[in-house]
Amino acid sequence: MQSLDDSFAELQLRLGDSQRLKNTGGDPVFYLVFHPKEMMAAKRKLRSWRAQLENHGWHVEVLSLAQTLNEFFNSHPLRKFWLSGEQLNPADVDSVNATLREALLSNQVVETRILAAVERLAHKQKGILLITDTEALHPYLRIGAVEQRLTGRVSCPVVILYPGRRGGETTLSFLGIYPDDGNYRSTHIGG
């Protein structure tokens, strides 16, 4: 298993290739895969990784999915109803999660935030989006499903910091607890 720094070094090489091979098809989406036990280590390295990319001429934007979901849930007009419903039946976690999942999906919260960032970066030379805190999507969504809904709409490199495990070249297991999923269309590094 590669170290986080080795995986990031490989990512940088692949990013250089993606700039040269832009017109070969497929969205420039990369998963930097690491074991879930390394989540905190990856978060500690984020500032250094961002600086390395910027030193190589990249214009970096970081999108935290934890912050995205927190902002959405805290400002949603139905928040008071959700909280009162949870207080009435605290053991019904599945219903609460289903309600929150539906709110995220119907409002396309994650997709909208990613596309807004991609749009801002599309006007920058060597723009790149780093998506962090993907673990915040559990148990509502998986980032692979979000990626599928964005197919054909990503114009700059997007790097997803992905806590999970690889099951092969195209198969990933989100957080190492979900079943292997071979529907990821992107480049996987590490893990």
Protein backbone atom coordinates (compact mmCIF):
# COMPACT_ATOMS: atom_id res chain seq x y z
CA MET A 1 0.00 0.00 0.00
CA GLN A 2 1.33 3.42 -1.02
CA SER A 3 1.96 6.11 1.55
CA LEU A 4 -0.17 9.26 1.35
CA ASP A 5 2.81 11.24 0.07
CA ASP A 6 3.62 8.64 -2.60
CA SER A 7 0.00 8.63 -3.72
CA PHE A 8 0.00 12.42 -3.92
CA ALA A 9 3.23 12.38 -5.94
CA GLU A 10 1.59 9.95 -8.38
CA LEU A 11 -1.46 12.22 -8.53
CA GLN A 12 0.74 15.16 -9.51
CA LEU A 13 2.24 13.12 -12.35
CA ARG A 14 -1.22 12.11 -13.56
CA LEU A 15 -2.42 15.71 -13.40
CA GLY A 16 0.42 16.70 -15.72
CA ASP A 17 -0.63 13.95 -18.12
CA SER A 18 -4.27 15.08 -17.97
CA GLN A 19 -3.27 18.57 -19.08
CA ARG A 20 -1.43 17.16 -22.12
CA LEU A 21 -4.12 14.60 -23.00
CA LYS A 22 -7.19 16.79 -22.44
CA ASN A 23 -9.01 15.81 -25.61
CA THR A 24 -8.95 12.04 -25.18
CA GLY A 25 -12.41 11.89 -23.63
CA GLY A 26 -13.67 11.34 -20.13
CA ASP A 27 -13.87 13.81 -17.33
CA PRO A 28 -10.64 14.67 -15.49
CA VAL A 29 -11.77 13.20 -12.16
CA PHE A 30 -9.22 11.61 -9.84
CA TYR A 31 -9.76 9.72 -6.60
CA LEU A 32 -6.91 9.93 -4.09
CA VAL A 33 -7.77 6.73 -2.21
CA PHE A 34 -6.56 6.10 1.33
CA HIS A 35 -7.55 3.77 4.15
CA PRO A 36 -10.28 5.27 6.38
CA LYS A 37 -7.85 5.09 9.32
CA GLU A 38 -5.75 7.69 7.46
CA MET A 39 -8.51 10.32 7.23
CA MET A 40 -6.96 12.60 9.84
CA ALA A 41 -3.49 12.21 8.34
CA ALA A 42 -4.88 13.17 4.91
CA LYS A 43 -6.59 16.23 6.42
CA ARG A 44 -3.31 17.28 8.05
CA LYS A 45 -1.53 17.00 4.69
CA LEU A 46 -4.11 19.03 2.76
CA ARG A 47 -2.42 22.39 3.36
CA SER A 48 0.94 21.01 2.21
CA TRP A 49 -0.61 19.34 -0.85
CA ARG A 50 -2.37 22.54 -1.80
CA ALA A 51 0.89 24.48 -1.52
CA GLN A 52 2.70 21.93 -3.69
CA LEU A 53 0.05 22.23 -6.39
CA GLU A 54 0.15 26.02 -6.24
CA ASN A 55 3.95 25.92 -6.52
CA HIS A 56 3.45 23.97 -9.77
CA GLY A 57 1.19 26.67 -11.18
CA TRP A 58 -2.21 25.27 -10.25
CA HIS A 59 -5.05 27.52 -9.10
CA VAL A 60 -6.52 25.42 -6.28
CA GLU A 61 -9.99 25.57 -4.78
CA VAL A 62 -10.94 23.29 -1.88
CA LEU A 63 -14.55 22.18 -1.39
CA SER A 64 -15.44 20.59 1.93
CA LEU A 65 -18.48 18.34 1.67
CA ALA A 66 -18.88 18.47 5.47
CA GLN A 67 -19.19 22.25 5.26
CA THR A 68 -21.52 21.97 2.25
CA LEU A 69 -23.91 19.60 4.04
CA ASN A 70 -23.72 21.54 7.30
CA GLU A 71 -24.64 24.81 5.56
CA PHE A 72 -27.52 23.13 3.72
CA PHE A 73 -29.01 21.38 6.74
CA ASN A 74 -28.58 24.38 9.07
CA SER A 75 -30.29 26.81 6.70
CA HIS A 76 -33.03 24.56 5.31
CA PRO A 77 -36.57 25.87 5.94
CA LEU A 78 -37.69 22.43 7.17
CA ARG A 79 -34.92 22.13 9.76
CA LYS A 80 -37.25 22.75 12.73
CA PHE A 81 -39.64 20.05 11.48
CA TRP A 82 -36.79 17.59 10.99
CA LEU A 83 -35.54 18.20 14.52
CA SER A 84 -38.98 17.93 16.10
CA GLY A 85 -39.67 14.71 14.16
CA GLU A 86 -36.39 13.25 15.39
CA GLN A 87 -37.22 14.21 18.98
CA LEU A 88 -40.64 12.52 18.73
CA ASN A 89 -39.14 9.25 17.53
CA PRO A 90 -35.37 9.20 18.20
CA ALA A 91 -35.07 5.47 17.49
CA ASP A 92 -36.22 5.86 13.88
CA VAL A 93 -32.81 6.77 12.50
CA ASP A 94 -33.58 5.19 9.12
CA SER A 95 -36.53 7.54 8.51
CA VAL A 96 -34.49 10.58 9.52
CA ASN A 97 -31.66 9.59 7.20
CA ALA A 98 -34.10 8.89 4.35
CA THR A 99 -35.65 12.34 4.78
CA LEU A 100 -32.27 14.08 4.80
CA ARG A 101 -31.09 12.03 1.81
CA GLU A 102 -34.17 13.02 -0.17
CA ALA A 103 -33.62 16.69 0.67
CA LEU A 104 -30.02 16.46 -0.56
CA LEU A 105 -31.01 14.67 -3.76
CA SER A 106 -34.02 16.81 -4.65
CA ASN A 107 -32.01 20.01 -4.17
CA GLN A 108 -28.92 18.57 -5.91
CA VAL A 109 -26.86 20.14 -3.15
CA VAL A 110 -23.55 18.38 -3.75
CA GLU A 111 -23.73 18.49 -7.55
CA THR A 112 -24.61 22.20 -7.52
CA ARG A 113 -21.68 23.10 -5.27
CA ILE A 114 -19.23 21.06 -7.33
CA LEU A 115 -20.45 22.52 -10.62
CA ALA A 116 -20.28 26.07 -9.23
CA ALA A 117 -16.66 25.51 -8.21
CA VAL A 118 -15.82 23.92 -11.59
CA GLU A 119 -17.41 26.90 -13.35
CA ARG A 120 -15.29 29.35 -11.33
CA LEU A 121 -12.15 27.34 -12.10
CA ALA A 122 -12.96 26.93 -15.81
CA HIS A 123 -11.87 30.53 -16.36
CA LYS A 124 -8.51 30.01 -14.66
CA GLN A 125 -5.46 28.52 -16.30
CA LYS A 126 -4.67 25.24 -14.54
CA GLY A 127 -7.66 25.39 -12.21
CA ILE A 128 -8.15 22.35 -9.97
CA LEU A 129 -10.82 21.42 -7.42
CA LEU A 130 -9.95 19.37 -4.34
CA ILE A 131 -13.00 17.78 -2.72
CA THR A 132 -12.53 16.91 0.95
CA ASP A 133 -14.62 15.41 3.73
CA THR A 134 -16.40 12.90 1.50
CA GLU A 135 -17.08 10.83 4.61
CA ALA A 136 -19.75 13.43 5.51
CA LEU A 137 -21.91 11.97 2.74
CA HIS A 138 -22.42 8.77 4.76
CA PRO A 139 -25.17 7.52 5.12
CA TYR A 140 -26.95 9.79 2.64
CA LEU A 141 -24.98 9.52 -0.60
CA ARG A 142 -21.88 8.04 -2.15
CA ILE A 143 -19.54 10.26 -4.10
CA GLY A 144 -19.48 7.77 -7.00
CA ALA A 145 -23.20 8.36 -7.56
CA VAL A 146 -22.57 12.11 -7.54
CA GLU A 147 -19.75 11.66 -10.05
CA GLN A 148 -22.08 9.75 -12.40
CA ARG A 149 -24.57 12.64 -12.36
CA LEU A 150 -21.75 15.05 -13.26
CA THR A 151 -20.47 13.05 -16.25
CA GLY A 152 -19.70 15.29 -19.20
CA ARG A 153 -19.93 18.47 -17.13
CA VAL A 154 -16.48 18.63 -15.53
CA SER A 155 -14.04 20.85 -17.40
CA CYS A 156 -11.12 21.08 -14.96
CA PRO A 157 -9.34 18.44 -12.89
CA VAL A 158 -11.30 17.38 -9.82
CA VAL A 159 -9.49 15.45 -7.09
CA ILE A 160 -11.66 13.63 -4.57
CA LEU A 161 -10.00 12.67 -1.30
CA TYR A 162 -11.57 9.27 -0.83
CA PRO A 163 -11.49 7.28 2.41
CA GLY A 164 -12.03 3.69 1.39
CA ARG A 165 -10.32 0.83 -0.30
CA ARG A 166 -9.62 -0.29 -3.82
CA GLY A 167 -10.87 -3.63 -5.02
CA GLY A 168 -9.11 -3.45 -8.38
CA GLU A 169 -8.44 -0.90 -11.11
CA THR A 170 -12.01 0.43 -11.27
CA THR A 171 -13.61 -0.81 -8.06
CA LEU A 172 -13.83 1.17 -4.82
CA SER A 173 -15.47 0.60 -1.45
CA PHE A 174 -16.59 3.85 0.20
CA LEU A 175 -15.29 4.02 3.78
CA GLY A 176 -14.35 0.35 3.44
CA ILE A 177 -17.87 -0.55 4.66
CA TYR A 178 -19.90 -0.33 1.48
CA PRO A 179 -19.81 -3.18 -1.05
CA ASP A 180 -17.28 -2.90 -3.85
CA ASP A 181 -18.61 -0.63 -6.58
CA GLY A 182 -17.22 -0.82 -10.11
CA ASN A 183 -19.20 2.14 -11.45
CA TYR A 184 -16.54 4.78 -10.82
CA ARG A 185 -15.45 6.28 -14.16
CA SER A 186 -12.39 8.07 -12.96
CA THR A 187 -8.71 7.54 -12.28
CA HIS A 188 -7.92 5.93 -8.93
CA ILE A 189 -4.62 6.58 -7.18
CA GLY A 190 -3.44 5.04 -3.92
CA GLY A 191 -5.41 2.77 -1.67
